[in-house]
Protein backbone atom coordinates (compact mmCIF):
# COMPACT_ATOMS: atom_id res chain seq x y z
CA MET A 1 -0.04 -0.02 -0.03
CA ALA A 2 1.42 3.36 -1.01
CA SER A 3 2.34 5.74 1.76
CA SER A 4 0.76 9.22 2.10
CA LYS A 5 3.99 10.83 0.74
CA GLU A 6 3.93 8.55 -2.35
CA ARG A 7 0.22 9.41 -3.10
CA ARG A 8 1.00 13.10 -2.70
CA GLN A 9 4.02 12.81 -5.16
CA ARG A 10 1.82 10.98 -7.61
CA GLU A 11 -1.07 13.56 -7.44
CA LEU A 12 1.48 16.39 -8.02
CA ALA A 13 2.98 14.55 -11.07
CA GLU A 14 -0.55 14.08 -12.40
CA ALA A 15 -1.50 17.73 -11.95
CA ARG A 16 1.77 18.76 -13.60
CA ALA A 17 1.07 16.56 -16.68
CA ALA A 18 -2.46 17.98 -16.84
CA ARG A 19 -1.11 21.50 -16.83
CA GLN A 20 1.40 20.66 -19.50
CA ALA A 21 -1.26 19.17 -21.65
CA GLN A 22 -3.50 22.12 -21.25
CA ARG A 23 -0.69 24.46 -22.25
CA ARG A 24 -0.06 22.38 -25.42
CA ARG A 25 -3.63 22.43 -26.38
CA LEU A 26 -3.87 26.32 -25.79
CA ALA A 27 -0.60 26.88 -27.84
CA HIS A 28 -2.02 24.63 -30.67
CA ARG A 29 -5.28 26.64 -30.72
CA ARG A 30 -3.47 29.93 -30.86
CA ARG A 31 -1.40 28.66 -33.75
CA GLN A 32 -4.59 27.58 -35.67
CA GLN A 33 -6.13 31.00 -34.93
CA ARG A 34 -3.01 32.84 -36.29
CA LEU A 35 -3.03 30.63 -39.36
CA ALA A 36 -6.74 31.35 -39.92
CA ILE A 37 -6.09 35.16 -39.63
CA VAL A 38 -3.17 34.98 -42.10
CA ALA A 39 -5.24 33.00 -44.47
CA GLY A 40 -8.08 35.41 -44.28
CA PHE A 41 -5.73 38.23 -44.83
CA ILE A 42 -4.16 36.65 -47.81
CA ALA A 43 -7.56 36.09 -49.32
CA ILE A 44 -8.60 39.60 -48.88
CA VAL A 45 -5.31 40.83 -50.40
CA VAL A 46 -5.76 38.46 -53.41
CA ALA A 47 -9.25 39.60 -53.89
CA ALA A 48 -8.39 43.28 -53.53
CA SER A 49 -5.54 42.77 -56.16
CA THR A 50 -7.83 41.05 -58.57
CA ILE A 51 -10.67 43.61 -58.26
CA ALA A 52 -8.28 46.52 -58.43
CA ALA A 53 -6.94 45.12 -61.62
CA ILE A 54 -10.39 44.76 -63.03
CA LEU A 55 -11.42 48.39 -62.25
CA LEU A 56 -8.34 50.07 -63.51
CA THR A 57 -8.71 52.26 -66.46
CA GLY A 58 -6.26 51.28 -69.19
CA LYS A 59 -3.74 54.21 -69.73
CA ASP A 60 -2.39 55.43 -66.49
CA ASP A 61 -1.50 52.37 -64.45
CA GLN A 62 2.15 52.93 -65.06
CA PRO A 63 4.47 55.32 -63.07
CA ASP A 64 3.96 58.95 -64.02
CA VAL A 65 7.00 59.12 -66.26
CA ALA A 66 5.72 56.12 -68.06
CA ALA A 67 2.13 57.15 -68.39
CA ALA A 68 2.63 57.81 -72.04
CA GLY A 69 4.34 54.42 -72.46
CA ALA A 70 3.09 50.91 -72.59
CA ALA A 71 -0.38 50.90 -71.18
CA THR A 72 -2.30 47.93 -69.61
CA THR A 73 -6.00 47.27 -69.76
CA PRO A 74 -7.89 46.18 -66.71
CA THR A 75 -7.71 42.53 -67.71
CA ALA A 76 -5.88 39.46 -66.51
CA THR A 77 -3.36 39.92 -69.31
CA ALA A 78 -1.62 43.26 -70.06
CA PRO A 79 -1.67 44.08 -73.80
CA THR A 80 0.07 47.27 -74.88
CA ALA A 81 -1.44 50.40 -76.51
CA THR A 82 0.10 52.82 -78.83
CA ALA A 83 1.53 55.65 -76.71
CA PRO A 84 1.16 59.38 -77.33
CA THR A 85 4.27 61.34 -77.80
CA PRO A 86 5.59 62.65 -74.44
CA SER A 87 5.20 66.40 -74.17
CA ALA A 88 7.64 68.65 -72.30
CA ALA A 89 4.87 71.30 -71.90
CA PRO A 90 3.71 71.81 -68.31
CA ARG A 91 0.40 70.19 -67.27
CA GLN A 92 -2.62 72.37 -67.57
CA THR A 93 -4.89 72.79 -64.49
CA SER A 94 -8.40 74.05 -64.22
CA ARG A 95 -10.14 74.89 -60.92
CA VAL A 96 -13.87 74.78 -60.47
CA GLY A 97 -14.69 75.80 -56.91
CA GLN A 98 -12.66 73.28 -54.72
CA CYS A 99 -12.27 70.92 -57.64
CA THR A 100 -8.98 70.56 -59.56
CA TYR A 101 -8.74 68.99 -62.94
CA THR A 102 -5.18 68.43 -64.41
CA SER A 103 -4.16 67.40 -67.83
CA ASN A 104 -2.26 64.03 -67.87
CA GLY A 105 -0.37 64.30 -71.12
CA GLU A 106 -2.57 61.87 -72.97
CA ALA A 107 -4.54 62.55 -76.17
CA PRO A 108 -8.16 62.92 -75.05
CA ALA A 109 -10.74 60.77 -76.52
CA ARG A 110 -13.24 62.68 -78.72
CA GLY A 111 -11.54 65.99 -78.25
CA ALA A 112 -12.46 66.51 -74.68
CA THR A 113 -11.22 69.57 -72.93
CA LEU A 114 -10.58 70.61 -69.30
CA PRO A 115 -13.78 71.84 -67.61
CA ALA A 116 -13.95 75.68 -67.66
CA ALA A 117 -12.51 77.36 -64.63
CA ALA A 118 -15.16 78.78 -62.28
CA ALA A 119 -15.38 80.25 -58.72
CA THR A 120 -17.83 77.61 -57.51
CA VAL A 121 -19.01 74.22 -58.39
CA ASP A 122 -22.72 73.16 -58.46
CA THR A 123 -23.71 70.91 -55.56
CA SER A 124 -27.39 70.83 -56.28
CA PRO A 125 -29.07 67.44 -56.91
CA ALA A 126 -28.40 65.96 -60.44
CA THR A 127 -30.07 63.45 -62.57
CA MET A 128 -28.33 61.25 -65.13
CA VAL A 129 -30.28 59.63 -67.92
CA ILE A 130 -28.49 56.82 -69.86
CA ILE A 131 -30.36 55.78 -72.99
CA THR A 132 -28.98 52.38 -74.12
CA ASP A 133 -29.99 50.06 -76.96
CA ALA A 134 -31.95 47.98 -74.33
CA GLY A 135 -33.86 50.89 -72.78
CA THR A 136 -33.31 53.82 -70.44
CA ILE A 137 -31.55 53.97 -67.07
CA THR A 138 -32.02 56.83 -64.67
CA ALA A 139 -29.85 57.57 -61.78
CA ALA A 140 -29.73 60.19 -58.95
CA LEU A 141 -26.33 61.77 -58.70
CA ASP A 142 -24.92 63.00 -55.40
CA ALA A 143 -23.33 66.35 -56.12
CA GLN A 144 -23.15 67.22 -52.41
CA LYS A 145 -20.64 64.34 -51.79
CA ALA A 146 -19.08 63.99 -55.17
CA PRO A 147 -19.26 67.48 -56.85
CA CYS A 148 -16.06 67.23 -58.79
CA THR A 149 -17.12 63.87 -60.36
CA VAL A 150 -20.58 65.03 -61.17
CA HIS A 151 -19.30 68.28 -62.70
CA ALA A 152 -16.69 66.38 -64.84
CA LEU A 153 -19.29 63.96 -66.06
CA ARG A 154 -21.84 66.61 -66.72
CA THR A 155 -19.33 68.59 -68.75
CA LEU A 156 -18.48 65.60 -70.78
CA ALA A 157 -22.16 64.61 -71.30
CA ASP A 158 -22.88 68.16 -72.45
CA ALA A 159 -20.18 67.62 -75.10
CA ARG A 160 -21.87 64.37 -76.22
CA TYR A 161 -18.67 62.64 -75.21
CA PHE A 162 -20.52 59.43 -74.28
CA ASP A 163 -22.97 59.32 -77.19
CA GLY A 164 -22.67 56.09 -79.35
CA THR A 165 -20.21 54.42 -77.04
CA THR A 166 -20.07 50.85 -75.86
CA CYS A 167 -19.69 49.48 -72.32
CA HIS A 168 -16.42 47.56 -72.85
CA ARG A 169 -16.17 45.42 -69.79
CA GLN A 170 -18.19 43.04 -67.60
CA THR A 171 -17.19 41.26 -64.50
CA GLY A 172 -19.23 38.87 -62.45
CA GLY A 173 -19.82 35.49 -61.01
CA ALA A 174 -18.93 33.81 -57.72
CA ASP A 175 -15.25 33.81 -58.49
CA ALA A 176 -15.09 37.50 -59.35
CA GLY A 177 -16.29 38.89 -56.07
CA ILE A 178 -17.91 41.73 -57.81
CA SER A 179 -20.49 42.26 -60.52
CA VAL A 180 -19.82 45.38 -62.55
CA LEU A 181 -20.43 46.76 -66.03
CA GLN A 182 -17.67 49.25 -67.07
CA CYS A 183 -18.49 52.04 -69.45
CA GLY A 184 -17.43 55.64 -70.37
CA ASP A 185 -14.52 55.05 -72.93
CA PRO A 186 -15.43 56.28 -76.40
CA THR A 187 -12.69 54.20 -77.91
CA GLY A 188 -14.29 50.91 -76.42
CA THR A 189 -10.87 49.65 -75.46
CA GLY A 190 -10.58 50.56 -71.83
CA ASN A 191 -7.65 52.86 -72.70
CA GLY A 192 -9.58 56.00 -73.53
CA GLY A 193 -10.16 59.08 -71.33
CA PRO A 194 -10.68 62.77 -71.41
CA GLY A 195 -7.01 63.69 -71.17
CA TYR A 196 -7.30 64.97 -67.69
CA GLY A 197 -7.70 63.47 -64.15
CA TYR A 198 -9.04 64.50 -60.68
CA ALA A 199 -9.08 63.17 -57.23
CA ASN A 200 -11.31 60.54 -55.46
CA GLU A 201 -14.23 61.71 -53.35
CA ASN A 202 -16.96 60.05 -51.41
CA THR A 203 -15.19 56.80 -50.73
CA GLN A 204 -15.82 56.46 -47.03
CA GLY A 205 -18.83 54.89 -45.53
CA VAL A 206 -20.26 53.88 -48.95
CA THR A 207 -21.40 50.63 -50.36
CA TYR A 208 -20.98 49.19 -53.85
CA ASP A 209 -24.35 47.48 -53.98
CA ARG A 210 -26.68 46.82 -56.87
CA GLY A 211 -27.46 49.95 -58.74
CA VAL A 212 -24.59 52.04 -57.42
CA LEU A 213 -22.40 54.04 -59.84
CA ALA A 214 -18.79 54.63 -59.23
CA MET A 215 -15.64 55.78 -61.00
CA ALA A 216 -12.96 53.62 -62.47
CA HIS A 217 -9.34 54.91 -62.26
CA SER A 218 -5.87 53.81 -62.64
CA GLN A 219 -3.11 53.01 -60.14
CA LEU A 220 -1.94 56.67 -60.33
CA PRO A 221 -3.31 59.20 -57.82
CA ASP A 222 -5.94 61.68 -59.04
CA SER A 223 -6.71 59.64 -62.23
CA ASN A 224 -10.51 59.62 -62.28
CA GLY A 225 -11.39 60.55 -65.89
CA SER A 226 -14.62 59.50 -67.85
CA GLN A 227 -14.78 55.67 -67.25
CA PHE A 228 -17.39 54.50 -64.64
CA PHE A 229 -18.82 51.16 -63.58
CA ILE A 230 -22.28 50.17 -62.65
CA ASN A 231 -22.85 47.48 -59.92
CA TYR A 232 -25.49 45.11 -61.18
CA GLN A 233 -25.37 42.70 -58.19
CA ASN A 234 -24.15 43.15 -54.69
CA PRO A 235 -20.50 42.13 -54.21
CA THR A 236 -19.35 39.24 -52.06
CA PRO A 237 -17.87 40.17 -48.63
CA GLN A 238 -14.49 39.78 -50.08
CA GLY A 239 -15.40 41.94 -53.07
CA ALA A 240 -16.88 44.66 -50.79
CA ALA A 241 -13.72 44.63 -48.67
CA ALA A 242 -11.60 45.09 -51.69
CA LEU A 243 -13.65 47.93 -53.11
CA ALA A 244 -14.03 49.80 -49.90
CA GLY A 245 -12.61 53.16 -49.82
CA ASN A 246 -11.04 52.97 -53.19
CA TYR A 247 -13.53 54.18 -55.82
CA THR A 248 -15.76 57.30 -55.91
CA VAL A 249 -19.40 56.72 -55.58
CA PHE A 250 -21.29 59.36 -57.35
CA GLY A 251 -24.84 58.07 -57.79
CA LYS A 252 -27.41 55.26 -57.77
CA ILE A 253 -29.95 53.95 -60.23
CA THR A 254 -33.56 55.01 -59.55
CA LYS A 255 -35.13 53.54 -62.56
CA GLY A 256 -34.19 51.01 -65.14
CA LEU A 257 -32.63 48.17 -63.16
CA ASP A 258 -34.56 45.81 -65.52
CA VAL A 259 -32.64 47.46 -68.41
CA LEU A 260 -29.32 46.85 -66.58
CA ASP A 261 -30.28 43.26 -66.18
CA LYS A 262 -30.93 43.05 -69.93
CA LEU A 263 -27.47 44.38 -70.58
CA THR A 264 -25.72 42.13 -68.18
CA GLY A 265 -27.82 39.05 -68.15
CA PRO A 266 -26.09 37.32 -71.15
CA GLY A 267 -22.78 37.50 -69.17
CA VAL A 268 -19.26 37.73 -70.52
CA GLU A 269 -18.63 37.01 -74.20
CA GLY A 270 -17.22 33.50 -74.52
CA GLY A 271 -18.05 32.69 -70.89
CA GLY A 272 -15.90 33.36 -67.89
CA SER A 273 -15.96 36.04 -65.23
CA ASP A 274 -14.34 38.99 -66.89
CA GLY A 275 -14.20 40.43 -70.42
CA ALA A 276 -16.37 42.04 -73.00
CA PRO A 277 -20.11 41.86 -72.48
CA ALA A 278 -21.85 39.35 -74.51
CA SER A 279 -24.74 41.69 -75.13
CA LYS A 280 -22.41 44.24 -76.64
CA PRO A 281 -24.25 47.06 -74.80
CA LYS A 282 -24.38 50.54 -76.39
CA ILE A 283 -24.91 53.86 -74.86
CA LEU A 284 -26.94 55.97 -77.35
CA SER A 285 -26.65 59.10 -75.13
CA ILE A 286 -26.05 60.37 -71.64
CA THR A 287 -27.64 63.51 -70.31
CA ILE A 288 -27.08 65.06 -66.91
CA THR A 289 -29.30 67.77 -65.54
CA GLN A 290 -28.65 69.69 -62.35
CA GLY A 291 -30.57 72.16 -60.37
CA GLY A 292 -33.96 73.56 -61.12
């Protein structure tokens, strides 16, 4: 029969073994949690990189000194585009109220010009009417929160910049994370723009849900131009995280979601999740009215 001292030693050894086993379990759980966090972060980074590539406009996603050089379109591949001759002339700037528009050294599509300078910018409610070959889409534009974007788009619309253009890109499906139709390039290539850029605005506390309109831009700062995208379905959580804070939201569709569905319903040409829309959507005209 074991003595009291022996029983006590055995009890202490068992307690020590139990504590060591518990520490090992806790350490294993912490390692698993760290791995899960790292995996989640990697997934978000990959999604953000993919979505950012999708929504880039074509010409400016090289460093500033190479903006007039080889250009990449917002596709999985990176075809080059013919570059305009670099100019030694200083960049021109136009200020409209607090908005600054700066030429980027590229040849503007359709002869667009900088918005005329003015002391103030209109922040009154605006309405955008997009007439497509499938019907009419109407959107309310928020010139209070995105005055520079709305003013630039209204200036371009007044000059019939968007008339007779195609929406050149569609992205969607479970693997894509986002469901967007990209428009606003008169060349239909993803490389065209107005020849000037301006800064992001209204990017915080916004969503990119179905019907929301937002600006596409390049990797360069202040590179919003004329290309915009329309969200035709809500993004996945990963897609929403990748979009968050990166793209100017300037309006939302109030009428014509059924028309948007007609344009995007056929999906991407040839299948897949990203490429030219199978419906070959055409914008017949865009008009933007503001105030009164």
